């Protein structure tokens, strides 16, 4: 029975690419956006897509809002690299941290 329903269905070209047909308008799954998109020619659909410059501008705007937070260098032996570096043990834990007030790149664990 399933094979018979495949043969009774209208061709894909007529349903998808045709302008608004009564069958498409009466379908319960069709929305107003689907009907509007089906009525537009392909040249207008192509222009409606965002361009590469618009996408890259949106990505760069999002990256400007988020700034990088520096992590720590993880080493087996930590060293004070300048006179602003201090060794710190956090709440009695076993690791010794180096924090620096002058250069944030000197943070180590």
C-alpha atoms as a PDB file:
ATOM      1  CA  UNK A   1       0.000   0.000   0.000  1.00  0.00           C
ATOM      2  CA  UNK A   2       2.907   2.372   0.704  1.00  0.00           C
ATOM      3  CA  UNK A   3       4.287   1.911  -2.822  1.00  0.00           C
ATOM      4  CA  UNK A   4       0.900   2.789  -4.261  1.00  0.00           C
ATOM      5  CA  UNK A   5       0.818   6.113  -2.353  1.00  0.00           C
ATOM      6  CA  UNK A   6       4.197   7.038  -3.816  1.00  0.00           C
ATOM      7  CA  UNK A   7       2.845   6.672  -7.335  1.00  0.00           C
ATOM      8  CA  UNK A   8      -0.278   8.683  -6.553  1.00  0.00           C
ATOM      9  CA  UNK A   9       1.664  11.662  -5.164  1.00  0.00           C
ATOM     10  CA  UNK A  10       2.132  14.600  -7.588  1.00  0.00           C
ATOM     11  CA  UNK A  11       5.612  15.147  -9.029  1.00  0.00           C
ATOM     12  CA  UNK A  12       8.055  17.091  -6.852  1.00  0.00           C
ATOM     13  CA  UNK A  13       8.615  19.740  -9.512  1.00  0.00           C
ATOM     14  CA  UNK A  14       4.954  20.718  -9.559  1.00  0.00           C
ATOM     15  CA  UNK A  15       4.514  20.965  -5.767  1.00  0.00           C
ATOM     16  CA  UNK A  16       7.759  22.621  -4.681  1.00  0.00           C
ATOM     17  CA  UNK A  17       8.636  24.954  -7.522  1.00  0.00           C
ATOM     18  CA  UNK A  18       5.170  25.961  -8.694  1.00  0.00           C
ATOM     19  CA  UNK A  19       3.585  29.260  -7.760  1.00  0.00           C
ATOM     20  CA  UNK A  20       0.920  29.169  -5.079  1.00  0.00           C
ATOM     21  CA  UNK A  21      -1.563  26.485  -6.008  1.00  0.00           C
ATOM     22  CA  UNK A  22      -4.889  25.764  -4.328  1.00  0.00           C
ATOM     23  CA  UNK A  23      -3.501  22.462  -3.065  1.00  0.00           C
ATOM     24  CA  UNK A  24      -0.549  24.220  -1.422  1.00  0.00           C
ATOM     25  CA  UNK A  25      -2.830  26.809   0.155  1.00  0.00           C
ATOM     26  CA  UNK A  26      -5.183  24.206   1.610  1.00  0.00           C
ATOM     27  CA  UNK A  27      -2.425  22.015   3.021  1.00  0.00           C
ATOM     28  CA  UNK A  28      -2.431  21.959   6.805  1.00  0.00           C
ATOM     29  CA  UNK A  29       1.376  21.928   6.987  1.00  0.00           C
ATOM     30  CA  UNK A  30       1.881  24.972   4.758  1.00  0.00           C
ATOM     31  CA  UNK A  31       2.499  28.224   6.606  1.00  0.00           C
ATOM     32  CA  UNK A  32       2.304  31.782   5.357  1.00  0.00           C
ATOM     33  CA  UNK A  33       6.103  31.922   5.066  1.00  0.00           C
ATOM     34  CA  UNK A  34       6.160  28.749   2.960  1.00  0.00           C
ATOM     35  CA  UNK A  35       3.502  30.117   0.639  1.00  0.00           C
ATOM     36  CA  UNK A  36       5.337  33.443   0.299  1.00  0.00           C
ATOM     37  CA  UNK A  37       8.633  31.670  -0.432  1.00  0.00           C
ATOM     38  CA  UNK A  38       7.001  29.438  -3.040  1.00  0.00           C
ATOM     39  CA  UNK A  39       5.583  32.489  -4.826  1.00  0.00           C
ATOM     40  CA  UNK A  40       8.979  34.227  -5.146  1.00  0.00           C
ATOM     41  CA  UNK A  41      11.258  33.509  -8.097  1.00  0.00           C
ATOM     42  CA  UNK A  42      14.704  32.044  -7.416  1.00  0.00           C
ATOM     43  CA  UNK A  43      16.488  35.310  -8.208  1.00  0.00           C
ATOM     44  CA  UNK A  44      14.772  36.987  -5.254  1.00  0.00           C
ATOM     45  CA  UNK A  45      15.473  34.030  -2.991  1.00  0.00           C
ATOM     46  CA  UNK A  46      19.165  34.235  -3.879  1.00  0.00           C
ATOM     47  CA  UNK A  47      19.294  37.954  -3.031  1.00  0.00           C
ATOM     48  CA  UNK A  48      17.564  37.360   0.307  1.00  0.00           C
ATOM     49  CA  UNK A  49      20.523  35.306   1.589  1.00  0.00           C
ATOM     50  CA  UNK A  50      23.040  37.136   3.788  1.00  0.00           C
ATOM     51  CA  UNK A  51      26.271  38.005   2.039  1.00  0.00           C
ATOM     52  CA  UNK A  52      29.693  36.909   3.231  1.00  0.00           C
ATOM     53  CA  UNK A  53      30.542  40.439   4.363  1.00  0.00           C
ATOM     54  CA  UNK A  54      27.371  40.646   6.469  1.00  0.00           C
ATOM     55  CA  UNK A  55      28.164  37.320   8.113  1.00  0.00           C
ATOM     56  CA  UNK A  56      31.797  38.292   8.807  1.00  0.00           C
ATOM     57  CA  UNK A  57      30.680  41.655  10.221  1.00  0.00           C
ATOM     58  CA  UNK A  58      28.308  39.894  12.612  1.00  0.00           C
ATOM     59  CA  UNK A  59      31.054  37.503  13.722  1.00  0.00           C
ATOM     60  CA  UNK A  60      33.563  40.310  14.294  1.00  0.00           C
ATOM     61  CA  UNK A  61      30.989  42.313  16.289  1.00  0.00           C
ATOM     62  CA  UNK A  62      30.382  39.301  18.525  1.00  0.00           C
ATOM     63  CA  UNK A  63      34.110  38.771  19.039  1.00  0.00           C
ATOM     64  CA  UNK A  64      34.611  42.419  20.034  1.00  0.00           C
ATOM     65  CA  UNK A  65      32.188  42.001  22.930  1.00  0.00           C
ATOM     66  CA  UNK A  66      34.021  38.969  24.294  1.00  0.00           C
ATOM     67  CA  UNK A  67      37.558  39.619  25.524  1.00  0.00           C
ATOM     68  CA  UNK A  68      40.196  37.012  26.156  1.00  0.00           C
ATOM     69  CA  UNK A  69      40.876  36.017  29.741  1.00  0.00           C
ATOM     70  CA  UNK A  70      44.424  34.871  30.328  1.00  0.00           C
ATOM     71  CA  UNK A  71      44.928  31.438  31.764  1.00  0.00           C
ATOM     72  CA  UNK A  72      47.848  30.117  33.751  1.00  0.00           C
ATOM     73  CA  UNK A  73      50.986  28.457  32.491  1.00  0.00           C
ATOM     74  CA  UNK A  74      51.080  24.965  33.989  1.00  0.00           C
ATOM     75  CA  UNK A  75      54.602  23.825  34.857  1.00  0.00           C
ATOM     76  CA  UNK A  76      56.270  21.396  37.197  1.00  0.00           C
ATOM     77  CA  UNK A  77      58.543  24.142  38.546  1.00  0.00           C
ATOM     78  CA  UNK A  78      57.214  27.668  38.874  1.00  0.00           C
ATOM     79  CA  UNK A  79      59.533  30.668  39.053  1.00  0.00           C
ATOM     80  CA  UNK A  80      59.157  34.319  39.898  1.00  0.00           C
ATOM     81  CA  UNK A  81      59.862  36.097  36.628  1.00  0.00           C
ATOM     82  CA  UNK A  82      59.903  39.717  37.860  1.00  0.00           C
ATOM     83  CA  UNK A  83      59.705  41.708  41.082  1.00  0.00           C
ATOM     84  CA  UNK A  84      55.884  41.918  40.780  1.00  0.00           C
ATOM     85  CA  UNK A  85      55.494  38.126  40.958  1.00  0.00           C
ATOM     86  CA  UNK A  86      54.298  36.590  44.250  1.00  0.00           C
ATOM     87  CA  UNK A  87      53.951  32.932  45.202  1.00  0.00           C
ATOM     88  CA  UNK A  88      50.526  32.063  46.608  1.00  0.00           C
ATOM     89  CA  UNK A  89      49.036  28.866  48.035  1.00  0.00           C
ATOM     90  CA  UNK A  90      45.234  28.939  47.737  1.00  0.00           C
ATOM     91  CA  UNK A  91      43.352  27.826  50.883  1.00  0.00           C
ATOM     92  CA  UNK A  92      45.868  25.199  51.946  1.00  0.00           C
ATOM     93  CA  UNK A  93      45.793  23.354  48.633  1.00  0.00           C
ATOM     94  CA  UNK A  94      48.871  21.533  47.399  1.00  0.00           C
ATOM     95  CA  UNK A  95      49.648  23.732  44.377  1.00  0.00           C
ATOM     96  CA  UNK A  96      51.750  26.876  44.567  1.00  0.00           C
ATOM     97  CA  UNK A  97      50.590  29.629  42.234  1.00  0.00           C
ATOM     98  CA  UNK A  98      52.572  32.569  40.915  1.00  0.00           C
ATOM     99  CA  UNK A  99      50.522  35.732  40.421  1.00  0.00           C
ATOM    100  CA  UNK A 100      51.942  38.956  39.040  1.00  0.00           C
ATOM    101  CA  UNK A 101      50.679  42.481  39.550  1.00  0.00           C
ATOM    102  CA  UNK A 102      52.783  43.914  36.709  1.00  0.00           C
ATOM    103  CA  UNK A 103      52.394  41.390  33.882  1.00  0.00           C
ATOM    104  CA  UNK A 104      49.377  39.039  33.639  1.00  0.00           C
ATOM    105  CA  UNK A 105      51.369  36.704  31.368  1.00  0.00           C
ATOM    106  CA  UNK A 106      53.448  35.662  34.387  1.00  0.00           C
ATOM    107  CA  UNK A 107      50.597  33.709  36.027  1.00  0.00           C
ATOM    108  CA  UNK A 108      51.751  30.127  36.635  1.00  0.00           C
ATOM    109  CA  UNK A 109      50.597  26.997  38.402  1.00  0.00           C
END
